[in-house]
């Protein structure tokens, strides 16, 4: 067996560096699989010895091999997927630089109908109930900037932290390398990779994410 053939490596103190990871793959279609990384472990049994390797301590990445097939104009935001879903802001108007902001609001439309249509009959897959907009530093640290409940067909991010962050971007002093949407960082009970949300990218019906800035212009005499 594979275990017998790799017995020496399984017992080795270098096991963590020798072991590349595991692939969980369904043998039939129509399967939805969720993983609780914090509570999962790989149990290695060789001879009379056994050892548990907790995934959250011994693995640096939980990833998927493909994004699956989605209807046109939609992208998926999946809970527990560490990289989140990238979002960028194209500040192509020079007159918004070096101005004071009084408010910044990000709106992201989503499609709850298409989400349900992807499921088999009588199957209920929980959708995300809350989404965070985060800034990600050069050290890959995700800092929450604003949160939105999932309701009314669009996510609305409106927070003083978001406003101050956008102000820093406009004056060229941002500490973040990129921005992303993530399943709520404190979502109970655990991040499970099952909860998801279909977001619109605007390529089909023009209903795209948007950023609205309310700027303060100095008075002119």
N, C-alpha and C. Protein backbone atom coordinates (compact mmCIF):
# COMPACT_ATOMS: atom_id res chain seq x y z
N UNK A 1 0.85 -1.19 0.00
CA UNK A 1 0.00 0.00 0.00
C UNK A 1 0.89 1.25 0.00
N UNK A 2 0.27 2.40 -0.23
CA UNK A 2 1.01 3.66 -0.23
C UNK A 2 1.64 3.92 1.13
N UNK A 3 0.90 3.58 2.21
CA UNK A 3 1.43 3.81 3.56
C UNK A 3 2.66 2.95 3.80
N UNK A 4 2.60 1.69 3.42
CA UNK A 4 3.75 0.80 3.62
C UNK A 4 4.95 1.26 2.80
N UNK A 5 4.68 1.72 1.56
CA UNK A 5 5.78 2.15 0.69
C UNK A 5 6.45 3.42 1.20
N UNK A 6 5.73 4.23 1.98
CA UNK A 6 6.27 5.49 2.47
C UNK A 6 6.42 5.48 3.99
N UNK A 7 6.58 4.30 4.55
CA UNK A 7 6.64 4.17 6.01
C UNK A 7 7.76 5.00 6.62
N UNK A 8 8.93 5.00 6.00
CA UNK A 8 10.07 5.73 6.55
C UNK A 8 9.80 7.24 6.56
N UNK A 9 9.19 7.75 5.49
CA UNK A 9 8.88 9.17 5.44
C UNK A 9 7.80 9.55 6.46
N UNK A 10 6.81 8.69 6.64
CA UNK A 10 5.73 8.98 7.59
C UNK A 10 6.25 9.05 9.02
N UNK A 11 7.29 8.31 9.31
CA UNK A 11 7.87 8.32 10.64
C UNK A 11 8.96 9.38 10.80
N UNK A 12 9.35 9.99 9.70
CA UNK A 12 10.47 10.92 9.72
C UNK A 12 10.10 12.22 10.42
N UNK A 13 11.10 12.84 11.05
CA UNK A 13 10.89 14.16 11.65
C UNK A 13 10.70 15.24 10.60
N UNK A 14 11.03 14.93 9.36
CA UNK A 14 10.86 15.88 8.25
C UNK A 14 9.53 15.67 7.52
N UNK A 15 8.59 14.96 8.17
CA UNK A 15 7.34 14.62 7.50
C UNK A 15 6.62 15.86 6.96
N UNK A 16 6.57 16.93 7.76
CA UNK A 16 5.82 18.12 7.35
C UNK A 16 6.37 18.70 6.07
N UNK A 17 7.71 18.72 5.90
CA UNK A 17 8.30 19.26 4.68
C UNK A 17 8.22 18.28 3.52
N UNK A 18 8.15 16.97 3.81
CA UNK A 18 8.07 15.97 2.74
C UNK A 18 6.65 15.81 2.22
N UNK A 19 5.67 16.11 3.07
CA UNK A 19 4.27 15.89 2.72
C UNK A 19 3.72 17.13 2.01
N UNK A 20 3.28 16.97 0.77
CA UNK A 20 2.82 18.11 -0.03
C UNK A 20 1.37 18.50 0.26
N UNK A 21 0.57 17.59 0.78
CA UNK A 21 -0.82 17.92 1.05
C UNK A 21 -1.75 16.80 0.64
N UNK A 22 -3.05 17.04 0.79
CA UNK A 22 -4.06 16.05 0.42
C UNK A 22 -5.03 16.68 -0.57
N UNK A 23 -5.62 15.86 -1.40
CA UNK A 23 -6.64 16.28 -2.35
C UNK A 23 -7.91 15.52 -2.05
N UNK A 24 -8.97 16.25 -1.71
CA UNK A 24 -10.28 15.65 -1.49
C UNK A 24 -11.09 15.82 -2.76
N UNK A 25 -11.41 14.72 -3.40
CA UNK A 25 -12.05 14.79 -4.71
C UNK A 25 -13.25 13.84 -4.75
N UNK A 26 -14.46 14.35 -5.05
CA UNK A 26 -15.63 13.46 -5.13
C UNK A 26 -15.52 12.50 -6.31
N UNK A 27 -16.08 11.31 -6.14
CA UNK A 27 -16.03 10.30 -7.20
C UNK A 27 -17.24 10.39 -8.12
N UNK A 28 -18.26 11.16 -7.72
CA UNK A 28 -19.44 11.35 -8.56
C UNK A 28 -19.81 12.82 -8.57
N UNK A 29 -20.67 13.21 -9.52
CA UNK A 29 -21.15 14.58 -9.59
C UNK A 29 -22.24 14.83 -8.56
N UNK A 30 -22.63 16.09 -8.42
CA UNK A 30 -23.73 16.44 -7.52
C UNK A 30 -23.36 16.43 -6.06
N UNK A 31 -22.09 16.66 -5.75
CA UNK A 31 -21.62 16.63 -4.36
C UNK A 31 -21.13 18.02 -3.96
N UNK A 32 -21.55 18.48 -2.80
CA UNK A 32 -21.04 19.73 -2.24
C UNK A 32 -20.28 19.39 -0.97
N UNK A 33 -19.04 19.77 -0.92
CA UNK A 33 -18.18 19.40 0.19
C UNK A 33 -17.65 20.64 0.88
N UNK A 34 -17.79 20.69 2.19
CA UNK A 34 -17.27 21.80 2.97
C UNK A 34 -16.18 21.34 3.90
N UNK A 35 -15.20 22.19 4.14
CA UNK A 35 -14.07 21.84 5.00
C UNK A 35 -13.93 22.88 6.10
N UNK A 36 -13.91 22.43 7.33
CA UNK A 36 -13.62 23.29 8.47
C UNK A 36 -12.13 23.14 8.75
N UNK A 37 -11.33 24.08 8.23
CA UNK A 37 -9.88 23.94 8.30
C UNK A 37 -9.40 23.93 9.75
N UNK A 38 -10.01 24.77 10.60
CA UNK A 38 -9.54 24.88 11.98
C UNK A 38 -9.71 23.59 12.76
N UNK A 39 -10.73 22.79 12.41
CA UNK A 39 -11.02 21.58 13.16
C UNK A 39 -10.55 20.31 12.45
N UNK A 40 -10.00 20.43 11.25
CA UNK A 40 -9.61 19.25 10.47
C UNK A 40 -8.15 18.88 10.73
N UNK A 41 -7.87 17.60 10.55
CA UNK A 41 -6.50 17.13 10.74
C UNK A 41 -6.26 15.92 9.86
N UNK A 42 -5.01 15.64 9.60
CA UNK A 42 -4.60 14.43 8.89
C UNK A 42 -4.03 13.48 9.93
N UNK A 43 -4.61 12.28 10.02
CA UNK A 43 -4.12 11.30 10.98
C UNK A 43 -3.25 10.29 10.26
N UNK A 44 -2.02 10.21 10.68
CA UNK A 44 -1.06 9.30 10.07
C UNK A 44 -0.89 8.09 10.97
N UNK A 45 -1.17 6.91 10.42
CA UNK A 45 -1.02 5.67 11.18
C UNK A 45 -0.03 4.79 10.46
N UNK A 46 1.03 4.40 11.15
CA UNK A 46 2.05 3.54 10.56
C UNK A 46 2.53 2.56 11.62
N UNK A 47 2.29 1.27 11.36
CA UNK A 47 2.63 0.28 12.37
C UNK A 47 1.78 0.50 13.60
N UNK A 48 2.43 0.61 14.75
CA UNK A 48 1.69 0.86 15.98
C UNK A 48 1.66 2.32 16.36
N UNK A 49 2.18 3.19 15.51
CA UNK A 49 2.24 4.62 15.80
C UNK A 49 1.14 5.38 15.07
N UNK A 50 0.68 6.45 15.68
CA UNK A 50 -0.29 7.35 15.03
C UNK A 50 -0.01 8.77 15.47
N UNK A 51 -0.29 9.72 14.57
CA UNK A 51 -0.04 11.13 14.85
C UNK A 51 -1.02 11.97 14.07
N UNK A 52 -1.58 13.00 14.73
CA UNK A 52 -2.50 13.92 14.08
C UNK A 52 -1.80 15.21 13.71
N UNK A 53 -1.97 15.65 12.45
CA UNK A 53 -1.44 16.92 11.97
C UNK A 53 -2.62 17.85 11.72
N UNK A 54 -2.79 18.86 12.59
CA UNK A 54 -3.90 19.80 12.44
C UNK A 54 -3.65 20.66 11.21
N UNK A 55 -4.64 20.72 10.30
CA UNK A 55 -4.43 21.41 9.02
C UNK A 55 -4.10 22.89 9.22
N UNK A 56 -4.76 23.54 10.16
CA UNK A 56 -4.53 24.98 10.33
C UNK A 56 -3.13 25.28 10.85
N UNK A 57 -2.44 24.30 11.41
CA UNK A 57 -1.09 24.52 11.92
C UNK A 57 -0.02 24.06 10.95
N UNK A 58 -0.35 23.08 10.12
CA UNK A 58 0.67 22.47 9.28
C UNK A 58 0.52 22.78 7.80
N UNK A 59 -0.56 23.47 7.41
CA UNK A 59 -0.75 23.84 6.02
C UNK A 59 -0.86 25.35 5.92
N UNK A 60 -0.22 25.91 4.93
CA UNK A 60 -0.26 27.36 4.74
C UNK A 60 -1.31 27.79 3.73
N UNK A 61 -1.94 26.83 3.04
CA UNK A 61 -2.86 27.20 1.97
C UNK A 61 -3.95 26.15 1.82
N UNK A 62 -5.18 26.62 1.73
CA UNK A 62 -6.30 25.77 1.33
C UNK A 62 -6.85 26.38 0.06
N UNK A 63 -6.81 25.66 -1.03
CA UNK A 63 -7.15 26.23 -2.32
C UNK A 63 -8.05 25.28 -3.08
N UNK A 64 -8.64 25.76 -4.17
CA UNK A 64 -9.44 24.92 -5.03
C UNK A 64 -8.79 24.89 -6.40
N UNK A 65 -9.00 23.79 -7.13
CA UNK A 65 -8.34 23.64 -8.42
C UNK A 65 -9.04 24.40 -9.53
N UNK A 66 -10.32 24.69 -9.37
CA UNK A 66 -11.04 25.45 -10.39
C UNK A 66 -12.20 26.19 -9.74
N UNK A 67 -12.68 27.21 -10.42
CA UNK A 67 -13.78 28.01 -9.88
C UNK A 67 -15.14 27.45 -10.25
N UNK A 68 -15.19 26.38 -11.03
CA UNK A 68 -16.45 25.82 -11.44
C UNK A 68 -17.08 26.60 -12.58
N UNK A 69 -18.27 26.19 -12.98
CA UNK A 69 -18.96 26.82 -14.10
C UNK A 69 -20.07 27.72 -13.57
N UNK A 70 -20.03 28.99 -13.94
CA UNK A 70 -21.01 29.95 -13.49
C UNK A 70 -21.72 30.59 -14.68
N UNK A 71 -22.95 31.08 -14.49
CA UNK A 71 -23.62 31.83 -15.55
C UNK A 71 -22.80 33.07 -15.91
N UNK A 72 -22.91 33.56 -17.15
CA UNK A 72 -22.16 34.76 -17.55
C UNK A 72 -22.48 35.94 -16.65
N UNK A 73 -21.44 36.74 -16.39
CA UNK A 73 -21.64 37.95 -15.61
C UNK A 73 -21.58 37.77 -14.11
N UNK A 74 -21.28 36.56 -13.65
CA UNK A 74 -21.24 36.29 -12.22
C UNK A 74 -19.88 35.77 -11.79
N UNK A 75 -19.48 36.11 -10.59
CA UNK A 75 -18.29 35.55 -9.96
C UNK A 75 -18.69 35.06 -8.58
N UNK A 76 -17.98 34.07 -8.06
CA UNK A 76 -18.38 33.48 -6.79
C UNK A 76 -17.47 33.95 -5.66
N UNK A 77 -18.08 34.30 -4.55
CA UNK A 77 -17.37 34.61 -3.32
C UNK A 77 -17.65 33.46 -2.36
N UNK A 78 -16.61 32.77 -1.93
CA UNK A 78 -16.76 31.55 -1.13
C UNK A 78 -16.18 31.74 0.27
N UNK A 79 -16.97 31.38 1.26
CA UNK A 79 -16.51 31.46 2.63
C UNK A 79 -15.34 30.51 2.85
N UNK A 80 -14.37 30.93 3.67
CA UNK A 80 -13.25 30.06 3.98
C UNK A 80 -12.17 30.01 2.93
N UNK A 81 -12.35 30.73 1.80
CA UNK A 81 -11.33 30.76 0.76
C UNK A 81 -10.43 31.95 1.05
N UNK A 82 -9.24 31.69 1.55
CA UNK A 82 -8.41 32.70 2.18
C UNK A 82 -8.09 33.93 1.35
N UNK A 83 -8.00 33.79 0.03
CA UNK A 83 -7.62 34.93 -0.79
C UNK A 83 -8.78 35.88 -1.05
N UNK A 84 -10.01 35.44 -0.76
CA UNK A 84 -11.17 36.28 -1.00
C UNK A 84 -11.36 36.55 -2.49
N UNK A 85 -12.06 37.63 -2.79
CA UNK A 85 -12.33 38.01 -4.17
C UNK A 85 -11.81 39.43 -4.36
N UNK A 86 -10.80 39.59 -5.21
CA UNK A 86 -10.17 40.89 -5.38
C UNK A 86 -11.09 41.94 -5.95
N UNK A 87 -10.95 43.16 -5.49
CA UNK A 87 -11.73 44.28 -6.01
C UNK A 87 -10.78 45.47 -6.14
N UNK A 88 -10.85 46.15 -7.28
CA UNK A 88 -9.95 47.28 -7.52
C UNK A 88 -10.75 48.52 -7.85
N UNK A 89 -10.14 49.67 -7.64
CA UNK A 89 -10.78 50.96 -7.88
C UNK A 89 -9.95 51.73 -8.90
N UNK A 90 -10.58 52.11 -10.00
CA UNK A 90 -9.88 52.80 -11.07
C UNK A 90 -10.13 54.30 -10.95
N UNK A 91 -9.21 54.98 -10.31
CA UNK A 91 -9.35 56.43 -10.15
C UNK A 91 -8.76 57.11 -11.38
N UNK A 92 -9.57 57.25 -12.42
CA UNK A 92 -9.07 57.80 -13.67
C UNK A 92 -9.37 59.29 -13.83
N UNK A 93 -9.96 59.89 -12.83
CA UNK A 93 -10.24 61.33 -12.90
C UNK A 93 -9.26 62.07 -12.01
N UNK A 94 -8.47 62.91 -12.58
CA UNK A 94 -7.43 63.61 -11.84
C UNK A 94 -8.00 64.57 -10.80
N UNK A 95 -9.24 65.01 -11.00
CA UNK A 95 -9.78 66.01 -10.08
C UNK A 95 -10.22 65.43 -8.74
N UNK A 96 -10.11 64.11 -8.54
CA UNK A 96 -10.45 63.54 -7.25
C UNK A 96 -9.22 63.33 -6.38
N UNK A 97 -8.04 63.54 -6.93
CA UNK A 97 -6.83 63.40 -6.14
C UNK A 97 -6.60 64.65 -5.29
N UNK A 98 -6.01 64.42 -4.13
CA UNK A 98 -5.66 65.52 -3.22
C UNK A 98 -6.87 66.35 -2.81
N UNK A 99 -8.03 65.68 -2.66
CA UNK A 99 -9.22 66.37 -2.16
C UNK A 99 -9.66 65.69 -0.87
N UNK A 100 -10.43 66.40 -0.06
CA UNK A 100 -10.94 65.84 1.19
C UNK A 100 -12.22 65.04 0.92
N UNK A 101 -12.35 63.92 1.60
CA UNK A 101 -13.54 63.08 1.45
C UNK A 101 -14.42 63.21 2.68
N UNK A 102 -15.72 63.28 2.46
CA UNK A 102 -16.65 63.23 3.58
C UNK A 102 -17.35 61.88 3.66
N UNK A 103 -17.30 61.10 2.55
CA UNK A 103 -17.95 59.79 2.57
C UNK A 103 -17.46 58.94 1.41
N UNK A 104 -17.39 57.64 1.63
CA UNK A 104 -17.05 56.68 0.58
C UNK A 104 -17.96 55.47 0.74
N UNK A 105 -18.66 55.10 -0.32
CA UNK A 105 -19.61 53.99 -0.27
C UNK A 105 -19.33 53.04 -1.44
N UNK A 106 -19.13 51.77 -1.13
CA UNK A 106 -18.94 50.74 -2.15
C UNK A 106 -20.22 49.90 -2.23
N UNK A 107 -20.73 49.73 -3.44
CA UNK A 107 -21.92 48.90 -3.67
C UNK A 107 -21.56 47.75 -4.61
N UNK A 108 -21.94 46.54 -4.22
CA UNK A 108 -21.66 45.35 -5.03
C UNK A 108 -22.95 44.55 -5.18
N UNK A 109 -23.52 44.49 -6.39
CA UNK A 109 -24.76 43.73 -6.59
C UNK A 109 -24.49 42.23 -6.59
N UNK A 110 -25.48 41.46 -6.16
CA UNK A 110 -25.37 40.00 -6.18
C UNK A 110 -26.66 39.39 -6.72
N UNK A 111 -26.60 38.11 -7.06
CA UNK A 111 -27.72 37.41 -7.68
C UNK A 111 -28.08 36.20 -6.84
N UNK A 112 -29.13 36.32 -6.03
CA UNK A 112 -29.56 35.22 -5.18
C UNK A 112 -30.37 34.19 -5.96
N UNK A 113 -31.01 34.60 -7.06
CA UNK A 113 -31.82 33.66 -7.86
C UNK A 113 -30.92 32.65 -8.56
N UNK A 114 -29.87 33.14 -9.24
CA UNK A 114 -28.95 32.24 -9.93
C UNK A 114 -28.26 31.30 -8.95
N UNK A 115 -28.02 31.77 -7.75
CA UNK A 115 -27.38 30.93 -6.72
C UNK A 115 -28.25 29.72 -6.43
N UNK A 116 -29.55 29.94 -6.27
CA UNK A 116 -30.46 28.82 -5.99
C UNK A 116 -30.63 27.89 -7.17
N UNK A 117 -30.56 28.45 -8.39
CA UNK A 117 -30.75 27.62 -9.59
C UNK A 117 -29.59 26.66 -9.83
N UNK A 118 -28.45 26.88 -9.20
CA UNK A 118 -27.30 26.00 -9.38
C UNK A 118 -27.40 24.73 -8.53
N UNK A 119 -28.42 24.64 -7.69
CA UNK A 119 -28.53 23.53 -6.75
C UNK A 119 -29.53 22.49 -7.24
N UNK A 120 -29.35 21.24 -6.84
CA UNK A 120 -30.33 20.20 -7.17
C UNK A 120 -31.67 20.50 -6.51
N UNK A 121 -32.77 19.88 -6.99
CA UNK A 121 -34.09 20.10 -6.38
C UNK A 121 -34.09 19.73 -4.89
N UNK A 122 -34.75 20.57 -4.08
CA UNK A 122 -34.92 20.34 -2.65
C UNK A 122 -33.61 20.37 -1.87
N UNK A 123 -32.55 20.92 -2.50
CA UNK A 123 -31.27 21.03 -1.79
C UNK A 123 -31.08 22.48 -1.36
N UNK A 124 -30.76 22.67 -0.11
CA UNK A 124 -30.55 24.01 0.42
C UNK A 124 -29.08 24.18 0.77
N UNK A 125 -28.42 25.12 0.09
CA UNK A 125 -27.04 25.45 0.41
C UNK A 125 -27.02 26.84 1.01
N UNK A 126 -26.51 26.99 2.22
CA UNK A 126 -26.56 28.31 2.87
C UNK A 126 -25.74 29.35 2.12
N UNK A 127 -26.31 30.53 1.99
CA UNK A 127 -25.58 31.65 1.39
C UNK A 127 -24.88 32.43 2.49
N UNK A 128 -23.89 33.21 2.10
CA UNK A 128 -23.25 34.09 3.06
C UNK A 128 -24.28 35.09 3.60
N UNK A 129 -24.19 35.40 4.86
CA UNK A 129 -25.10 36.37 5.46
C UNK A 129 -24.44 37.72 5.69
N UNK A 130 -23.12 37.75 5.63
CA UNK A 130 -22.39 38.99 5.85
C UNK A 130 -21.05 38.92 5.11
N UNK A 131 -20.63 40.04 4.53
CA UNK A 131 -19.40 40.09 3.75
C UNK A 131 -18.56 41.26 4.25
N UNK A 132 -17.25 41.05 4.30
CA UNK A 132 -16.31 42.10 4.70
C UNK A 132 -15.55 42.63 3.49
N UNK A 133 -15.36 43.94 3.43
CA UNK A 133 -14.42 44.57 2.50
C UNK A 133 -13.14 44.81 3.27
N UNK A 134 -12.04 44.23 2.81
CA UNK A 134 -10.79 44.30 3.55
C UNK A 134 -9.69 44.92 2.70
N UNK A 135 -8.73 45.53 3.38
CA UNK A 135 -7.51 45.97 2.74
C UNK A 135 -6.42 44.98 3.10
N UNK A 136 -5.56 44.65 2.14
CA UNK A 136 -4.52 43.64 2.36
C UNK A 136 -3.15 44.31 2.22
N UNK A 137 -2.34 44.16 3.26
CA UNK A 137 -1.03 44.79 3.31
C UNK A 137 0.00 43.97 2.53
N UNK A 138 1.21 44.51 2.45
CA UNK A 138 2.30 43.81 1.78
C UNK A 138 2.65 42.51 2.49
N UNK A 139 2.32 42.42 3.79
CA UNK A 139 2.58 41.21 4.57
C UNK A 139 1.40 40.25 4.54
N UNK A 140 0.45 40.49 3.62
CA UNK A 140 -0.74 39.64 3.44
C UNK A 140 -1.65 39.64 4.67
N UNK A 141 -1.66 40.74 5.40
CA UNK A 141 -2.56 40.88 6.54
C UNK A 141 -3.85 41.55 6.05
N UNK A 142 -4.99 40.91 6.32
CA UNK A 142 -6.29 41.44 5.90
C UNK A 142 -6.88 42.27 7.02
N UNK A 143 -7.15 43.54 6.73
CA UNK A 143 -7.70 44.47 7.71
C UNK A 143 -9.13 44.84 7.30
N UNK A 144 -10.14 44.50 8.11
CA UNK A 144 -11.52 44.85 7.76
C UNK A 144 -11.72 46.37 7.68
N UNK A 145 -12.34 46.81 6.60
CA UNK A 145 -12.60 48.24 6.40
C UNK A 145 -14.08 48.57 6.55
N UNK A 146 -14.92 47.63 6.18
CA UNK A 146 -16.37 47.81 6.29
C UNK A 146 -17.04 46.46 6.10
N UNK A 147 -18.25 46.33 6.63
CA UNK A 147 -19.01 45.09 6.50
C UNK A 147 -20.39 45.39 5.94
N UNK A 148 -20.98 44.38 5.30
CA UNK A 148 -22.33 44.53 4.75
C UNK A 148 -23.13 43.26 5.00
N UNK A 149 -24.38 43.44 5.40
CA UNK A 149 -25.30 42.31 5.46
C UNK A 149 -25.73 41.94 4.05
N UNK A 150 -26.06 40.70 3.84
CA UNK A 150 -26.52 40.23 2.53
C UNK A 150 -28.04 40.35 2.50
N UNK A 151 -28.51 41.40 1.85
CA UNK A 151 -29.95 41.65 1.76
C UNK A 151 -30.21 42.69 0.68
N UNK A 152 -31.42 42.70 0.17
CA UNK A 152 -31.88 43.71 -0.79
C UNK A 152 -31.15 43.69 -2.13
N UNK A 153 -30.44 42.60 -2.45
CA UNK A 153 -29.86 42.46 -3.77
C UNK A 153 -28.52 43.14 -3.99
N UNK A 154 -27.99 43.84 -3.00
CA UNK A 154 -26.66 44.42 -3.15
C UNK A 154 -25.99 44.57 -1.80
N UNK A 155 -24.67 44.45 -1.83
CA UNK A 155 -23.87 44.69 -0.65
C UNK A 155 -23.54 46.18 -0.59
N UNK A 156 -23.67 46.78 0.58
CA UNK A 156 -23.38 48.20 0.75
C UNK A 156 -22.35 48.36 1.86
N UNK A 157 -21.19 48.87 1.49
CA UNK A 157 -20.11 49.09 2.45
C UNK A 157 -19.98 50.60 2.70
N UNK A 158 -20.25 51.01 3.92
CA UNK A 158 -20.27 52.43 4.26
C UNK A 158 -19.78 52.56 5.69
N UNK A 159 -18.54 52.99 5.86
CA UNK A 159 -17.94 53.04 7.20
C UNK A 159 -16.88 54.13 7.23
N UNK A 160 -16.68 54.71 8.39
CA UNK A 160 -15.68 55.77 8.52
C UNK A 160 -14.27 55.23 8.26
N UNK A 161 -14.02 53.95 8.56
CA UNK A 161 -12.71 53.37 8.28
C UNK A 161 -12.49 53.27 6.77
N UNK A 162 -13.54 52.91 6.03
CA UNK A 162 -13.44 52.87 4.58
C UNK A 162 -13.18 54.27 4.03
N UNK A 163 -13.87 55.27 4.56
CA UNK A 163 -13.67 56.63 4.08
C UNK A 163 -12.22 57.09 4.29
N UNK A 164 -11.69 56.86 5.49
CA UNK A 164 -10.32 57.28 5.76
C UNK A 164 -9.32 56.52 4.91
N UNK A 165 -9.63 55.25 4.61
CA UNK A 165 -8.75 54.45 3.75
C UNK A 165 -8.73 55.00 2.33
N UNK A 166 -9.91 55.32 1.79
CA UNK A 166 -9.97 55.89 0.46
C UNK A 166 -9.30 57.27 0.42
N UNK A 167 -9.39 58.00 1.52
CA UNK A 167 -8.70 59.28 1.59
C UNK A 167 -7.19 59.08 1.47
N UNK A 168 -6.67 58.05 2.16
CA UNK A 168 -5.24 57.74 2.07
C UNK A 168 -4.84 57.34 0.67
N UNK A 169 -5.72 56.61 -0.02
CA UNK A 169 -5.43 56.21 -1.40
C UNK A 169 -5.31 57.44 -2.29
N UNK A 170 -6.21 58.39 -2.12
CA UNK A 170 -6.25 59.56 -3.00
C UNK A 170 -5.04 60.48 -2.80
N UNK A 171 -4.48 60.45 -1.61
CA UNK A 171 -3.31 61.32 -1.38
C UNK A 171 -2.00 60.52 -1.47
N UNK A 172 -2.12 59.26 -1.92
CA UNK A 172 -0.93 58.45 -2.15
C UNK A 172 -0.24 57.93 -0.91
N UNK A 173 -0.99 57.73 0.18
CA UNK A 173 -0.39 57.27 1.43
C UNK A 173 -1.04 56.00 1.95
N UNK A 174 -1.61 55.19 1.08
CA UNK A 174 -2.29 53.97 1.50
C UNK A 174 -1.28 52.91 1.95
N UNK A 175 -1.62 52.17 2.99
CA UNK A 175 -0.76 51.08 3.46
C UNK A 175 -1.14 49.75 2.83
N UNK A 176 -2.19 49.75 2.00
CA UNK A 176 -2.68 48.51 1.43
C UNK A 176 -2.22 48.34 -0.02
N UNK A 177 -1.86 47.10 -0.35
CA UNK A 177 -1.46 46.78 -1.71
C UNK A 177 -2.66 46.44 -2.58
N UNK A 178 -3.71 45.91 -1.98
CA UNK A 178 -4.90 45.55 -2.74
C UNK A 178 -6.08 45.46 -1.79
N UNK A 179 -7.27 45.29 -2.40
CA UNK A 179 -8.50 45.18 -1.63
C UNK A 179 -9.23 43.91 -2.05
N UNK A 180 -10.06 43.38 -1.15
CA UNK A 180 -10.76 42.13 -1.44
C UNK A 180 -12.05 42.06 -0.65
N UNK A 181 -12.96 41.24 -1.17
CA UNK A 181 -14.19 40.90 -0.45
C UNK A 181 -14.00 39.52 0.15
N UNK A 182 -14.41 39.35 1.39
CA UNK A 182 -14.27 38.06 2.06
C UNK A 182 -15.54 37.73 2.82
N UNK A 183 -15.82 36.42 2.92
CA UNK A 183 -16.87 35.99 3.82
C UNK A 183 -16.54 36.49 5.21
N UNK A 184 -17.55 36.94 5.95
CA UNK A 184 -17.31 37.61 7.21
C UNK A 184 -16.27 36.91 8.06
N UNK A 185 -15.28 37.66 8.54
CA UNK A 185 -14.16 37.08 9.28
C UNK A 185 -14.57 36.48 10.60
N UNK A 186 -15.72 36.89 11.14
CA UNK A 186 -16.19 36.36 12.43
C UNK A 186 -17.45 35.52 12.25
N UNK A 187 -17.67 34.99 11.05
CA UNK A 187 -18.89 34.24 10.76
C UNK A 187 -18.98 33.01 11.65
N UNK A 188 -20.08 32.86 12.35
CA UNK A 188 -20.28 31.69 13.22
C UNK A 188 -21.03 30.60 12.45
N UNK A 189 -20.79 29.30 12.79
CA UNK A 189 -19.84 28.88 13.82
C UNK A 189 -18.39 28.81 13.33
N UNK A 190 -18.18 28.48 12.05
CA UNK A 190 -16.83 28.37 11.52
C UNK A 190 -16.84 28.74 10.04
N UNK A 191 -15.66 29.05 9.50
CA UNK A 191 -15.52 29.17 8.06
C UNK A 191 -15.54 27.75 7.50
N UNK A 192 -16.47 27.47 6.59
CA UNK A 192 -16.67 26.08 6.20
C UNK A 192 -16.55 25.81 4.71
N UNK A 193 -16.28 26.80 3.90
CA UNK A 193 -16.13 26.73 2.45
C UNK A 193 -17.41 26.37 1.72
N UNK A 194 -18.50 26.12 2.43
CA UNK A 194 -19.77 25.78 1.78
C UNK A 194 -20.56 27.04 1.46
N UNK A 195 -20.66 27.96 2.42
CA UNK A 195 -21.42 29.18 2.20
C UNK A 195 -20.80 30.00 1.07
N UNK A 196 -21.64 30.52 0.18
CA UNK A 196 -21.13 31.26 -0.97
C UNK A 196 -22.13 32.34 -1.38
N UNK A 197 -21.71 33.16 -2.34
CA UNK A 197 -22.55 34.23 -2.86
C UNK A 197 -22.12 34.52 -4.29
N UNK A 198 -23.08 34.70 -5.19
CA UNK A 198 -22.79 35.03 -6.59
C UNK A 198 -22.86 36.55 -6.75
N UNK A 199 -21.73 37.16 -7.09
CA UNK A 199 -21.67 38.61 -7.28
C UNK A 199 -21.70 38.94 -8.76
N UNK A 200 -22.31 40.06 -9.10
CA UNK A 200 -22.39 40.50 -10.49
C UNK A 200 -21.15 41.33 -10.85
N UNK A 201 -20.60 41.07 -12.04
CA UNK A 201 -19.42 41.84 -12.47
C UNK A 201 -19.76 42.92 -13.49
N UNK A 202 -21.02 43.02 -13.88
CA UNK A 202 -21.46 44.08 -14.79
C UNK A 202 -21.24 43.80 -16.26
N UNK A 203 -20.69 42.63 -16.61
CA UNK A 203 -20.38 42.34 -18.01
C UNK A 203 -21.61 41.97 -18.83
N UNK A 204 -22.71 41.63 -18.17
CA UNK A 204 -23.92 41.21 -18.90
C UNK A 204 -24.98 42.30 -18.90
N UNK A 205 -25.40 42.75 -17.71
CA UNK A 205 -26.50 43.72 -17.63
C UNK A 205 -26.05 45.11 -17.20
N UNK A 206 -24.75 45.31 -17.07
CA UNK A 206 -24.25 46.62 -16.67
C UNK A 206 -24.38 46.91 -15.20
N UNK A 207 -24.93 45.96 -14.43
CA UNK A 207 -25.10 46.15 -12.99
C UNK A 207 -23.81 45.74 -12.30
N UNK A 208 -22.86 46.68 -12.24
CA UNK A 208 -21.51 46.38 -11.79
C UNK A 208 -21.24 46.98 -10.41
N UNK A 209 -20.21 46.51 -9.72
CA UNK A 209 -19.80 47.15 -8.46
C UNK A 209 -19.44 48.61 -8.70
N UNK A 210 -19.64 49.45 -7.69
CA UNK A 210 -19.37 50.88 -7.84
C UNK A 210 -18.82 51.45 -6.54
N UNK A 211 -18.08 52.53 -6.69
CA UNK A 211 -17.57 53.29 -5.54
C UNK A 211 -18.03 54.73 -5.71
N UNK A 212 -18.76 55.23 -4.72
CA UNK A 212 -19.24 56.62 -4.73
C UNK A 212 -18.47 57.42 -3.70
N UNK A 213 -17.82 58.50 -4.15
CA UNK A 213 -17.05 59.37 -3.27
C UNK A 213 -17.75 60.72 -3.15
N UNK A 214 -17.93 61.16 -1.92
CA UNK A 214 -18.44 62.51 -1.68
C UNK A 214 -17.25 63.36 -1.25
N UNK A 215 -16.89 64.31 -2.10
CA UNK A 215 -15.67 65.09 -1.86
C UNK A 215 -16.03 66.50 -1.35
N UNK A 216 -15.08 67.10 -0.67
CA UNK A 216 -15.22 68.45 -0.14
C UNK A 216 -14.25 69.35 -0.89
N UNK A 217 -14.76 70.27 -1.64
CA UNK A 217 -13.91 71.19 -2.39
C UNK A 217 -13.75 72.49 -1.59
N UNK A 218 -12.55 73.02 -1.58
CA UNK A 218 -12.34 74.30 -0.87
C UNK A 218 -13.11 75.42 -1.55
N UNK A 219 -13.59 76.34 -0.76
CA UNK A 219 -14.33 77.48 -1.31
C UNK A 219 -13.39 78.38 -2.10
N UNK A 220 -13.89 78.93 -3.18
CA UNK A 220 -13.11 79.85 -4.00
C UNK A 220 -13.67 81.26 -3.87
N UNK A 221 -12.78 82.20 -3.85
CA UNK A 221 -13.21 83.59 -3.71
C UNK A 221 -13.23 84.28 -5.07
